[in-house]
Amino acid sequence: MYIYNVTLKVDPSIEEDWLIWMKDIHIPEVLSCGIFKDYKMLLLTNSPFYDESPGSTFIVQYFFDNMDEYERYQAEYAPTYQREHIQRYGEKVLAFRTVMRYL
């Protein structure tokens, strides 16, 4: 099993709108592509690398079974979803994406 991990630093001025949009629109759209089996959304509360800039850091983790499915997501879906996110929030949300594998 794999995790597509998206870490997002969200400007406080749009945090409430962003959370609603993520939970009601964006995450359901990502799940509807049929590649991800489940997801978790977390709030970072501390870190040795904690950023002092204003805003909250959220982590959204999408769970999937194999890398071929993830590559298909990257080719067919991710550009559209990421473009929508950038068009809506611009530089008020910074995203960092990684993929992890369960051992």
PDB file of N, CA and C in Angstrom:
ATOM      1  N   MET A   1       0.846  -1.171   0.000  1.00  0.00           N
ATOM      2  CA  MET A   1       0.000   0.000   0.000  1.00  0.00           C
ATOM      3  C   MET A   1       0.895   1.240   0.000  1.00  0.00           C
ATOM      4  N   TYR A   2       0.401   2.284  -0.654  1.00  0.00           N
ATOM      5  CA  TYR A   2       1.131   3.539  -0.787  1.00  0.00           C
ATOM      6  C   TYR A   2       0.292   4.704  -0.266  1.00  0.00           C
ATOM      7  N   ILE A   3       0.975   5.805   0.004  1.00  0.00           N
ATOM      8  CA  ILE A   3       0.304   7.038   0.431  1.00  0.00           C
ATOM      9  C   ILE A   3       0.803   8.182  -0.446  1.00  0.00           C
ATOM     10  N   TYR A   4      -0.134   8.872  -1.047  1.00  0.00           N
ATOM     11  CA  TYR A   4       0.161  10.126  -1.730  1.00  0.00           C
ATOM     12  C   TYR A   4      -0.072  11.205  -0.677  1.00  0.00           C
ATOM     13  N   ASN A   5       0.999  11.841  -0.223  1.00  0.00           N
ATOM     14  CA  ASN A   5       0.969  12.776   0.899  1.00  0.00           C
ATOM     15  C   ASN A   5       1.090  14.209   0.373  1.00  0.00           C
ATOM     16  N   VAL A   6       0.103  15.039   0.681  1.00  0.00           N
ATOM     17  CA  VAL A   6       0.130  16.441   0.264  1.00  0.00           C
ATOM     18  C   VAL A   6       0.155  17.294   1.529  1.00  0.00           C
ATOM     19  N   THR A   7       1.237  18.032   1.723  1.00  0.00           N
ATOM     20  CA  THR A   7       1.389  18.929   2.866  1.00  0.00           C
ATOM     21  C   THR A   7       1.141  20.341   2.368  1.00  0.00           C
ATOM     22  N   LEU A   8       0.262  21.068   3.064  1.00  0.00           N
ATOM     23  CA  LEU A   8      -0.174  22.383   2.598  1.00  0.00           C
ATOM     24  C   LEU A   8      -0.086  23.422   3.704  1.00  0.00           C
ATOM     25  N   LYS A   9       0.558  24.525   3.419  1.00  0.00           N
ATOM     26  CA  LYS A   9       0.617  25.673   4.332  1.00  0.00           C
ATOM     27  C   LYS A   9      -0.443  26.656   3.847  1.00  0.00           C
ATOM     28  N   VAL A  10      -1.438  26.943   4.719  1.00  0.00           N
ATOM     29  CA  VAL A  10      -2.609  27.713   4.323  1.00  0.00           C
ATOM     30  C   VAL A  10      -2.619  29.068   5.032  1.00  0.00           C
ATOM     31  N   ASP A  11      -2.732  30.122   4.252  1.00  0.00           N
ATOM     32  CA  ASP A  11      -2.803  31.478   4.784  1.00  0.00           C
ATOM     33  C   ASP A  11      -4.055  31.614   5.654  1.00  0.00           C
ATOM     34  N   PRO A  12      -3.932  32.256   6.825  1.00  0.00           N
ATOM     35  CA  PRO A  12      -5.084  32.370   7.729  1.00  0.00           C
ATOM     36  C   PRO A  12      -6.282  33.095   7.110  1.00  0.00           C
ATOM     37  N   SER A  13      -6.061  33.972   6.146  1.00  0.00           N
ATOM     38  CA  SER A  13      -7.160  34.745   5.555  1.00  0.00           C
ATOM     39  C   SER A  13      -8.120  33.898   4.738  1.00  0.00           C
ATOM     40  N   ILE A  14      -7.687  32.716   4.306  1.00  0.00           N
ATOM     41  CA  ILE A  14      -8.564  31.865   3.491  1.00  0.00           C
ATOM     42  C   ILE A  14      -8.781  30.486   4.114  1.00  0.00           C
ATOM     43  N   GLU A  15      -8.278  30.267   5.315  1.00  0.00           N
ATOM     44  CA  GLU A  15      -8.297  28.930   5.913  1.00  0.00           C
ATOM     45  C   GLU A  15      -9.705  28.339   6.019  1.00  0.00           C
ATOM     46  N   GLU A  16     -10.664  29.100   6.493  1.00  0.00           N
ATOM     47  CA  GLU A  16     -12.019  28.569   6.654  1.00  0.00           C
ATOM     48  C   GLU A  16     -12.615  28.173   5.305  1.00  0.00           C
ATOM     49  N   ASP A  17     -12.498  29.050   4.307  1.00  0.00           N
ATOM     50  CA  ASP A  17     -13.011  28.743   2.967  1.00  0.00           C
ATOM     51  C   ASP A  17     -12.289  27.539   2.384  1.00  0.00           C
ATOM     52  N   TRP A  18     -10.977  27.497   2.556  1.00  0.00           N
ATOM     53  CA  TRP A  18     -10.175  26.406   2.022  1.00  0.00           C
ATOM     54  C   TRP A  18     -10.594  25.066   2.618  1.00  0.00           C
ATOM     55  N   LEU A  19     -10.777  25.019   3.926  1.00  0.00           N
ATOM     56  CA  LEU A  19     -11.195  23.768   4.576  1.00  0.00           C
ATOM     57  C   LEU A  19     -12.535  23.276   4.045  1.00  0.00           C
ATOM     58  N   ILE A  20     -13.486  24.181   3.903  1.00  0.00           N
ATOM     59  CA  ILE A  20     -14.807  23.804   3.372  1.00  0.00           C
ATOM     60  C   ILE A  20     -14.656  23.280   1.951  1.00  0.00           C
ATOM     61  N   TRP A  21     -13.915  24.020   1.122  1.00  0.00           N
ATOM     62  CA  TRP A  21     -13.728  23.617  -0.275  1.00  0.00           C
ATOM     63  C   TRP A  21     -13.039  22.259  -0.373  1.00  0.00           C
ATOM     64  N   MET A  22     -12.009  22.060   0.443  1.00  0.00           N
ATOM     65  CA  MET A  22     -11.301  20.779   0.426  1.00  0.00           C
ATOM     66  C   MET A  22     -12.229  19.627   0.792  1.00  0.00           C
ATOM     67  N   LYS A  23     -12.964  19.779   1.888  1.00  0.00           N
ATOM     68  CA  LYS A  23     -13.811  18.690   2.387  1.00  0.00           C
ATOM     69  C   LYS A  23     -15.038  18.447   1.514  1.00  0.00           C
ATOM     70  N   ASP A  24     -15.625  19.511   0.964  1.00  0.00           N
ATOM     71  CA  ASP A  24     -16.881  19.374   0.217  1.00  0.00           C
ATOM     72  C   ASP A  24     -16.697  19.181  -1.280  1.00  0.00           C
ATOM     73  N   ILE A  25     -15.589  19.676  -1.830  1.00  0.00           N
ATOM     74  CA  ILE A  25     -15.432  19.647  -3.284  1.00  0.00           C
ATOM     75  C   ILE A  25     -14.155  18.909  -3.713  1.00  0.00           C
ATOM     76  N   HIS A  26     -13.003  19.415  -3.308  1.00  0.00           N
ATOM     77  CA  HIS A  26     -11.741  18.898  -3.847  1.00  0.00           C
ATOM     78  C   HIS A  26     -11.491  17.430  -3.497  1.00  0.00           C
ATOM     79  N   ILE A  27     -11.520  17.087  -2.240  1.00  0.00           N
ATOM     80  CA  ILE A  27     -11.237  15.697  -1.851  1.00  0.00           C
ATOM     81  C   ILE A  27     -12.244  14.728  -2.462  1.00  0.00           C
ATOM     82  N   PRO A  28     -13.564  15.020  -2.435  1.00  0.00           N
ATOM     83  CA  PRO A  28     -14.496  14.115  -3.116  1.00  0.00           C
ATOM     84  C   PRO A  28     -14.204  13.964  -4.619  1.00  0.00           C
ATOM     85  N   GLU A  29     -13.779  15.041  -5.283  1.00  0.00           N
ATOM     86  CA  GLU A  29     -13.414  14.939  -6.700  1.00  0.00           C
ATOM     87  C   GLU A  29     -12.209  14.026  -6.888  1.00  0.00           C
ATOM     88  N   VAL A  30     -11.181  14.200  -6.052  1.00  0.00           N
ATOM     89  CA  VAL A  30      -9.991  13.350  -6.162  1.00  0.00           C
ATOM     90  C   VAL A  30     -10.370  11.887  -5.940  1.00  0.00           C
ATOM     91  N   LEU A  31     -11.193  11.611  -4.956  1.00  0.00           N
ATOM     92  CA  LEU A  31     -11.601  10.232  -4.676  1.00  0.00           C
ATOM     93  C   LEU A  31     -12.460   9.656  -5.799  1.00  0.00           C
ATOM     94  N   SER A  32     -13.209  10.500  -6.484  1.00  0.00           N
ATOM     95  CA  SER A  32     -14.116  10.019  -7.530  1.00  0.00           C
ATOM     96  C   SER A  32     -13.381   9.463  -8.744  1.00  0.00           C
ATOM     97  N   CYS A  33     -12.099   9.743  -8.890  1.00  0.00           N
ATOM     98  CA  CYS A  33     -11.353   9.203 -10.032  1.00  0.00           C
ATOM     99  C   CYS A  33     -11.150   7.692  -9.890  1.00  0.00           C
ATOM    100  N   GLY A  34     -11.387   7.151  -8.691  1.00  0.00           N
ATOM    101  CA  GLY A  34     -11.345   5.706  -8.493  1.00  0.00           C
ATOM    102  C   GLY A  34      -9.974   5.123  -8.215  1.00  0.00           C
ATOM    103  N   ILE A  35      -8.968   5.949  -8.066  1.00  0.00           N
ATOM    104  CA  ILE A  35      -7.608   5.455  -7.843  1.00  0.00           C
ATOM    105  C   ILE A  35      -7.304   5.299  -6.357  1.00  0.00           C
ATOM    106  N   PHE A  36      -7.784   6.227  -5.565  1.00  0.00           N
ATOM    107  CA  PHE A  36      -7.489   6.222  -4.138  1.00  0.00           C
ATOM    108  C   PHE A  36      -8.580   5.506  -3.366  1.00  0.00           C
ATOM    109  N   LYS A  37      -8.146   4.696  -2.393  1.00  0.00           N
ATOM    110  CA  LYS A  37      -9.077   3.866  -1.619  1.00  0.00           C
ATOM    111  C   LYS A  37      -9.668   4.608  -0.425  1.00  0.00           C
ATOM    112  N   ASP A  38      -8.918   5.561   0.113  1.00  0.00           N
ATOM    113  CA  ASP A  38      -9.359   6.295   1.297  1.00  0.00           C
ATOM    114  C   ASP A  38      -8.437   7.493   1.454  1.00  0.00           C
ATOM    115  N   TYR A  39      -8.751   8.326   2.432  1.00  0.00           N
ATOM    116  CA  TYR A  39      -7.898   9.472   2.715  1.00  0.00           C
ATOM    117  C   TYR A  39      -7.971   9.815   4.192  1.00  0.00           C
ATOM    118  N   LYS A  40      -7.028  10.599   4.636  1.00  0.00           N
ATOM    119  CA  LYS A  40      -7.020  11.187   5.983  1.00  0.00           C
ATOM    120  C   LYS A  40      -6.599  12.638   5.823  1.00  0.00           C
ATOM    121  N   MET A  41      -7.170  13.497   6.659  1.00  0.00           N
ATOM    122  CA  MET A  41      -6.760  14.899   6.689  1.00  0.00           C
ATOM    123  C   MET A  41      -6.293  15.201   8.098  1.00  0.00           C
ATOM    124  N   LEU A  42      -5.100  15.797   8.205  1.00  0.00           N
ATOM    125  CA  LEU A  42      -4.507  16.055   9.510  1.00  0.00           C
ATOM    126  C   LEU A  42      -4.047  17.505   9.609  1.00  0.00           C
ATOM    127  N   LEU A  43      -3.922  17.980  10.849  1.00  0.00           N
ATOM    128  CA  LEU A  43      -3.389  19.302  11.141  1.00  0.00           C
ATOM    129  C   LEU A  43      -2.064  19.116  11.867  1.00  0.00           C
ATOM    130  N   LEU A  44      -1.005  19.697  11.327  1.00  0.00           N
ATOM    131  CA  LEU A  44       0.308  19.615  11.964  1.00  0.00           C
ATOM    132  C   LEU A  44       0.306  20.503  13.203  1.00  0.00           C
ATOM    133  N   THR A  45       0.638  19.918  14.349  1.00  0.00           N
ATOM    134  CA  THR A  45       0.616  20.685  15.597  1.00  0.00           C
ATOM    135  C   THR A  45       1.998  21.084  16.075  1.00  0.00           C
ATOM    136  N   ASN A  46       3.024  20.332  15.685  1.00  0.00           N
ATOM    137  CA  ASN A  46       4.396  20.753  15.956  1.00  0.00           C
ATOM    138  C   ASN A  46       5.345  19.935  15.106  1.00  0.00           C
ATOM    139  N   SER A  47       6.552  20.445  14.956  1.00  0.00           N
ATOM    140  CA  SER A  47       7.548  19.780  14.149  1.00  0.00           C
ATOM    141  C   SER A  47       8.901  20.380  14.480  1.00  0.00           C
ATOM    142  N   PRO A  48       9.979  19.593  14.407  1.00  0.00           N
ATOM    143  CA  PRO A  48      11.302  20.185  14.621  1.00  0.00           C
ATOM    144  C   PRO A  48      11.641  21.201  13.526  1.00  0.00           C
ATOM    145  N   PHE A  49      10.925  21.158  12.402  1.00  0.00           N
ATOM    146  CA  PHE A  49      11.146  22.081  11.293  1.00  0.00           C
ATOM    147  C   PHE A  49      10.006  23.079  11.187  1.00  0.00           C
ATOM    148  N   TYR A  50       9.308  23.315  12.290  1.00  0.00           N
ATOM    149  CA  TYR A  50       8.110  24.146  12.285  1.00  0.00           C
ATOM    150  C   TYR A  50       8.387  25.518  11.690  1.00  0.00           C
ATOM    151  N   ASP A  51       7.530  25.938  10.817  1.00  0.00           N
ATOM    152  CA  ASP A  51       7.627  27.217  10.130  1.00  0.00           C
ATOM    153  C   ASP A  51       6.909  28.278  10.962  1.00  0.00           C
ATOM    154  N   GLU A  52       7.578  29.356  11.270  1.00  0.00           N
ATOM    155  CA  GLU A  52       7.021  30.426  12.105  1.00  0.00           C
ATOM    156  C   GLU A  52       6.078  31.353  11.348  1.00  0.00           C
ATOM    157  N   SER A  53       5.988  31.220  10.031  1.00  0.00           N
ATOM    158  CA  SER A  53       5.112  32.110   9.267  1.00  0.00           C
ATOM    159  C   SER A  53       3.654  31.837   9.629  1.00  0.00           C
ATOM    160  N   PRO A  54       2.796  32.856   9.477  1.00  0.00           N
ATOM    161  CA  PRO A  54       1.395  32.676   9.849  1.00  0.00           C
ATOM    162  C   PRO A  54       0.710  31.637   8.968  1.00  0.00           C
ATOM    163  N   GLY A  55      -0.252  30.980   9.537  1.00  0.00           N
ATOM    164  CA  GLY A  55      -1.023  29.980   8.799  1.00  0.00           C
ATOM    165  C   GLY A  55      -0.857  28.604   9.390  1.00  0.00           C
ATOM    166  N   SER A  56      -1.788  27.754   9.048  1.00  0.00           N
ATOM    167  CA  SER A  56      -1.783  26.372   9.528  1.00  0.00           C
ATOM    168  C   SER A  56      -1.205  25.458   8.466  1.00  0.00           C
ATOM    169  N   THR A  57      -0.626  24.350   8.921  1.00  0.00           N
ATOM    170  CA  THR A  57      -0.107  23.338   8.008  1.00  0.00           C
ATOM    171  C   THR A  57      -0.996  22.107   8.106  1.00  0.00           C
ATOM    172  N   PHE A  58      -1.542  21.704   6.960  1.00  0.00           N
ATOM    173  CA  PHE A  58      -2.420  20.547   6.868  1.00  0.00           C
ATOM    174  C   PHE A  58      -1.738  19.470   6.042  1.00  0.00           C
ATOM    175  N   ILE A  59      -2.100  18.234   6.324  1.00  0.00           N
ATOM    176  CA  ILE A  59      -1.618  17.100   5.547  1.00  0.00           C
ATOM    177  C   ILE A  59      -2.844  16.325   5.083  1.00  0.00           C
ATOM    178  N   VAL A  60      -2.901  16.067   3.779  1.00  0.00           N
ATOM    179  CA  VAL A  60      -3.941  15.203   3.232  1.00  0.00           C
ATOM    180  C   VAL A  60      -3.225  13.989   2.666  1.00  0.00           C
ATOM    181  N   GLN A  61      -3.633  12.805   3.135  1.00  0.00           N
ATOM    182  CA  GLN A  61      -3.025  11.556   2.695  1.00  0.00           C
ATOM    183  C   GLN A  61      -4.070  10.727   1.953  1.00  0.00           C
ATOM    184  N   TYR A  62      -3.724  10.355   0.723  1.00  0.00           N
ATOM    185  CA  TYR A  62      -4.587   9.508  -0.100  1.00  0.00           C
ATOM    186  C   TYR A  62      -3.926   8.143  -0.219  1.00  0.00           C
ATOM    187  N   PHE A  63      -4.671   7.076  -0.002  1.00  0.00           N
ATOM    188  CA  PHE A  63      -4.134   5.727   0.033  1.00  0.00           C
ATOM    189  C   PHE A  63      -4.450   4.996  -1.273  1.00  0.00           C
ATOM    190  N   PHE A  64      -3.423   4.323  -1.827  1.00  0.00           N
ATOM    191  CA  PHE A  64      -3.613   3.593  -3.084  1.00  0.00           C
ATOM    192  C   PHE A  64      -2.778   2.323  -3.080  1.00  0.00           C
ATOM    193  N   ASP A  65      -3.094   1.421  -4.021  1.00  0.00           N
ATOM    194  CA  ASP A  65      -2.509   0.086  -4.002  1.00  0.00           C
ATOM    195  C   ASP A  65      -1.235  -0.097  -4.815  1.00  0.00           C
ATOM    196  N   ASN A  66      -1.105   0.580  -5.951  1.00  0.00           N
ATOM    197  CA  ASN A  66       0.107   0.353  -6.746  1.00  0.00           C
ATOM    198  C   ASN A  66       0.508   1.602  -7.516  1.00  0.00           C
ATOM    199  N   MET A  67       1.772   1.651  -7.886  1.00  0.00           N
ATOM    200  CA  MET A  67       2.337   2.830  -8.527  1.00  0.00           C
ATOM    201  C   MET A  67       1.776   3.074  -9.923  1.00  0.00           C
ATOM    202  N   ASP A  68       1.338   2.026 -10.609  1.00  0.00           N
ATOM    203  CA  ASP A  68       0.723   2.234 -11.921  1.00  0.00           C
ATOM    204  C   ASP A  68      -0.530   3.103 -11.794  1.00  0.00           C
ATOM    205  N   GLU A  69      -1.319   2.846 -10.745  1.00  0.00           N
ATOM    206  CA  GLU A  69      -2.516   3.665 -10.514  1.00  0.00           C
ATOM    207  C   GLU A  69      -2.134   5.109 -10.219  1.00  0.00           C
ATOM    208  N   TYR A  70      -1.095   5.304  -9.413  1.00  0.00           N
ATOM    209  CA  TYR A  70      -0.642   6.647  -9.091  1.00  0.00           C
ATOM    210  C   TYR A  70      -0.146   7.368 -10.347  1.00  0.00           C
ATOM    211  N   GLU A  71       0.607   6.684 -11.188  1.00  0.00           N
ATOM    212  CA  GLU A  71       1.103   7.291 -12.433  1.00  0.00           C
ATOM    213  C   GLU A  71      -0.069   7.693 -13.329  1.00  0.00           C
ATOM    214  N   ARG A  72      -1.104   6.879 -13.367  1.00  0.00           N
ATOM    215  CA  ARG A  72      -2.308   7.221 -14.141  1.00  0.00           C
ATOM    216  C   ARG A  72      -2.964   8.461 -13.558  1.00  0.00           C
ATOM    217  N   TYR A  73      -3.045   8.546 -12.229  1.00  0.00           N
ATOM    218  CA  TYR A  73      -3.598   9.742 -11.581  1.00  0.00           C
ATOM    219  C   TYR A  73      -2.789  10.979 -11.972  1.00  0.00           C
ATOM    220  N   GLN A  74      -1.463  10.879 -11.913  1.00  0.00           N
ATOM    221  CA  GLN A  74      -0.608  12.010 -12.258  1.00  0.00           C
ATOM    222  C   GLN A  74      -0.796  12.443 -13.711  1.00  0.00           C
ATOM    223  N   ALA A  75      -0.973  11.493 -14.595  1.00  0.00           N
ATOM    224  CA  ALA A  75      -1.122  11.811 -16.017  1.00  0.00           C
ATOM    225  C   ALA A  75      -2.515  12.322 -16.368  1.00  0.00           C
ATOM    226  N   GLU A  76      -3.558  11.708 -15.789  1.00  0.00           N
ATOM    227  CA  GLU A  76      -4.926  11.993 -16.230  1.00  0.00           C
ATOM    228  C   GLU A  76      -5.691  12.982 -15.367  1.00  0.00           C
ATOM    229  N   TYR A  77      -5.368  13.075 -14.088  1.00  0.00           N
ATOM    230  CA  TYR A  77      -6.198  13.864 -13.169  1.00  0.00           C
ATOM    231  C   TYR A  77      -5.468  14.996 -12.449  1.00  0.00           C
ATOM    232  N   ALA A  78      -4.265  14.731 -11.969  1.00  0.00           N
ATOM    233  CA  ALA A  78      -3.561  15.695 -11.119  1.00  0.00           C
ATOM    234  C   ALA A  78      -3.411  17.082 -11.748  1.00  0.00           C
ATOM    235  N   PRO A  79      -3.063  17.204 -13.022  1.00  0.00           N
ATOM    236  CA  PRO A  79      -2.904  18.555 -13.567  1.00  0.00           C
ATOM    237  C   PRO A  79      -4.172  19.411 -13.449  1.00  0.00           C
ATOM    238  N   THR A  80      -5.316  18.821 -13.691  1.00  0.00           N
ATOM    239  CA  THR A  80      -6.580  19.555 -13.579  1.00  0.00           C
ATOM    240  C   THR A  80      -6.863  19.938 -12.137  1.00  0.00           C
ATOM    241  N   TYR A  81      -6.730  18.990 -11.216  1.00  0.00           N
ATOM    242  CA  TYR A  81      -7.021  19.281  -9.814  1.00  0.00           C
ATOM    243  C   TYR A  81      -6.059  20.316  -9.247  1.00  0.00           C
ATOM    244  N   GLN A  82      -4.796  20.212  -9.596  1.00  0.00           N
ATOM    245  CA  GLN A  82      -3.818  21.181  -9.091  1.00  0.00           C
ATOM    246  C   GLN A  82      -4.057  22.563  -9.695  1.00  0.00           C
ATOM    247  N   ARG A  83      -4.414  22.624 -10.966  1.00  0.00           N
ATOM    248  CA  ARG A  83      -4.716  23.906 -11.616  1.00  0.00           C
ATOM    249  C   ARG A  83      -5.921  24.577 -10.947  1.00  0.00           C
ATOM    250  N   GLU A  84      -6.973  23.796 -10.663  1.00  0.00           N
ATOM    251  CA  GLU A  84      -8.155  24.347  -9.985  1.00  0.00           C
ATOM    252  C   GLU A  84      -7.773  24.924  -8.623  1.00  0.00           C
ATOM    253  N   HIS A  85      -6.929  24.216  -7.895  1.00  0.00           N
ATOM    254  CA  HIS A  85      -6.497  24.657  -6.570  1.00  0.00           C
ATOM    255  C   HIS A  85      -5.723  25.971  -6.673  1.00  0.00           C
ATOM    256  N   ILE A  86      -4.813  26.041  -7.620  1.00  0.00           N
ATOM    257  CA  ILE A  86      -4.010  27.258  -7.807  1.00  0.00           C
ATOM    258  C   ILE A  86      -4.886  28.422  -8.268  1.00  0.00           C
ATOM    259  N   GLN A  87      -5.823  28.175  -9.173  1.00  0.00           N
ATOM    260  CA  GLN A  87      -6.707  29.243  -9.640  1.00  0.00           C
ATOM    261  C   GLN A  87      -7.562  29.797  -8.504  1.00  0.00           C
ATOM    262  N   ARG A  88      -7.974  28.943  -7.608  1.00  0.00           N
ATOM    263  CA  ARG A  88      -8.840  29.374  -6.509  1.00  0.00           C
ATOM    264  C   ARG A  88      -8.061  30.093  -5.406  1.00  0.00           C
ATOM    265  N   TYR A  89      -6.868  29.595  -5.056  1.00  0.00           N
ATOM    266  CA  TYR A  89      -6.155  30.116  -3.887  1.00  0.00           C
ATOM    267  C   TYR A  89      -4.791  30.739  -4.183  1.00  0.00           C
ATOM    268  N   GLY A  90      -4.281  30.560  -5.359  1.00  0.00           N
ATOM    269  CA  GLY A  90      -3.014  31.182  -5.734  1.00  0.00           C
ATOM    270  C   GLY A  90      -1.898  30.889  -4.745  1.00  0.00           C
ATOM    271  N   GLU A  91      -1.183  31.924  -4.360  1.00  0.00           N
ATOM    272  CA  GLU A  91      -0.045  31.776  -3.454  1.00  0.00           C
ATOM    273  C   GLU A  91      -0.436  31.762  -1.983  1.00  0.00           C
ATOM    274  N   LYS A  92      -1.724  31.745  -1.698  1.00  0.00           N
ATOM    275  CA  LYS A  92      -2.174  31.695  -0.303  1.00  0.00           C
ATOM    276  C   LYS A  92      -2.111  30.275   0.259  1.00  0.00           C
ATOM    277  N   VAL A  93      -1.836  29.308  -0.610  1.00  0.00           N
ATOM    278  CA  VAL A  93      -1.624  27.922  -0.184  1.00  0.00           C
ATOM    279  C   VAL A  93      -0.378  27.406  -0.888  1.00  0.00           C
ATOM    280  N   LEU A  94       0.573  26.934  -0.102  1.00  0.00           N
ATOM    281  CA  LEU A  94       1.779  26.329  -0.647  1.00  0.00           C
ATOM    282  C   LEU A  94       1.694  24.822  -0.428  1.00  0.00           C
ATOM    283  N   ALA A  95       1.970  24.050  -1.472  1.00  0.00           N
ATOM    284  CA  ALA A  95       1.826  22.598  -1.390  1.00  0.00           C
ATOM    285  C   ALA A  95       3.153  21.893  -1.640  1.00  0.00           C
ATOM    286  N   PHE A  96       3.339  20.792  -0.910  1.00  0.00           N
ATOM    287  CA  PHE A  96       4.523  19.926  -1.031  1.00  0.00           C
ATOM    288  C   PHE A  96       3.996  18.501  -1.116  1.00  0.00           C
ATOM    289  N   ARG A  97       4.356  17.789  -2.176  1.00  0.00           N
ATOM    290  CA  ARG A  97       3.797  16.456  -2.416  1.00  0.00           C
ATOM    291  C   ARG A  97       4.878  15.384  -2.361  1.00  0.00           C
ATOM    292  N   THR A  98       4.542  14.254  -1.720  1.00  0.00           N
ATOM    293  CA  THR A  98       5.449  13.111  -1.657  1.00  0.00           C
ATOM    294  C   THR A  98       4.632  11.827  -1.780  1.00  0.00           C
ATOM    295  N   VAL A  99       5.326  10.733  -2.097  1.00  0.00           N
ATOM    296  CA  VAL A  99       4.703   9.411  -2.117  1.00  0.00           C
ATOM    297  C   VAL A  99       5.495   8.532  -1.157  1.00  0.00           C
ATOM    298  N   MET A 100       4.764   7.787  -0.349  1.00  0.00           N
ATOM    299  CA  MET A 100       5.385   6.888   0.628  1.00  0.00           C
ATOM    300  C   MET A 100       4.825   5.483   0.437  1.00  0.00           C
ATOM    301  N   ARG A 101       5.594   4.482   0.865  1.00  0.00           N
ATOM    302  CA  ARG A 101       5.160   3.091   0.769  1.00  0.00           C
ATOM    303  C   ARG A 101       5.216   2.465   2.151  1.00  0.00           C
ATOM    304  N   TYR A 102       4.149   1.726   2.485  1.00  0.00           N
ATOM    305  CA  TYR A 102       4.153   0.963   3.726  1.00  0.00           C
ATOM    306  C   TYR A 102       5.201  -0.131   3.641  1.00  0.00           C
ATOM    307  N   LEU A 103       5.884  -0.411   4.740  1.00  0.00           N
ATOM    308  CA  LEU A 103       6.856  -1.508   4.784  1.00  0.00           C
ATOM    309  C   LEU A 103       6.275  -2.696   5.525  1.00  0.00           C
TER     310      LEU A 103
END
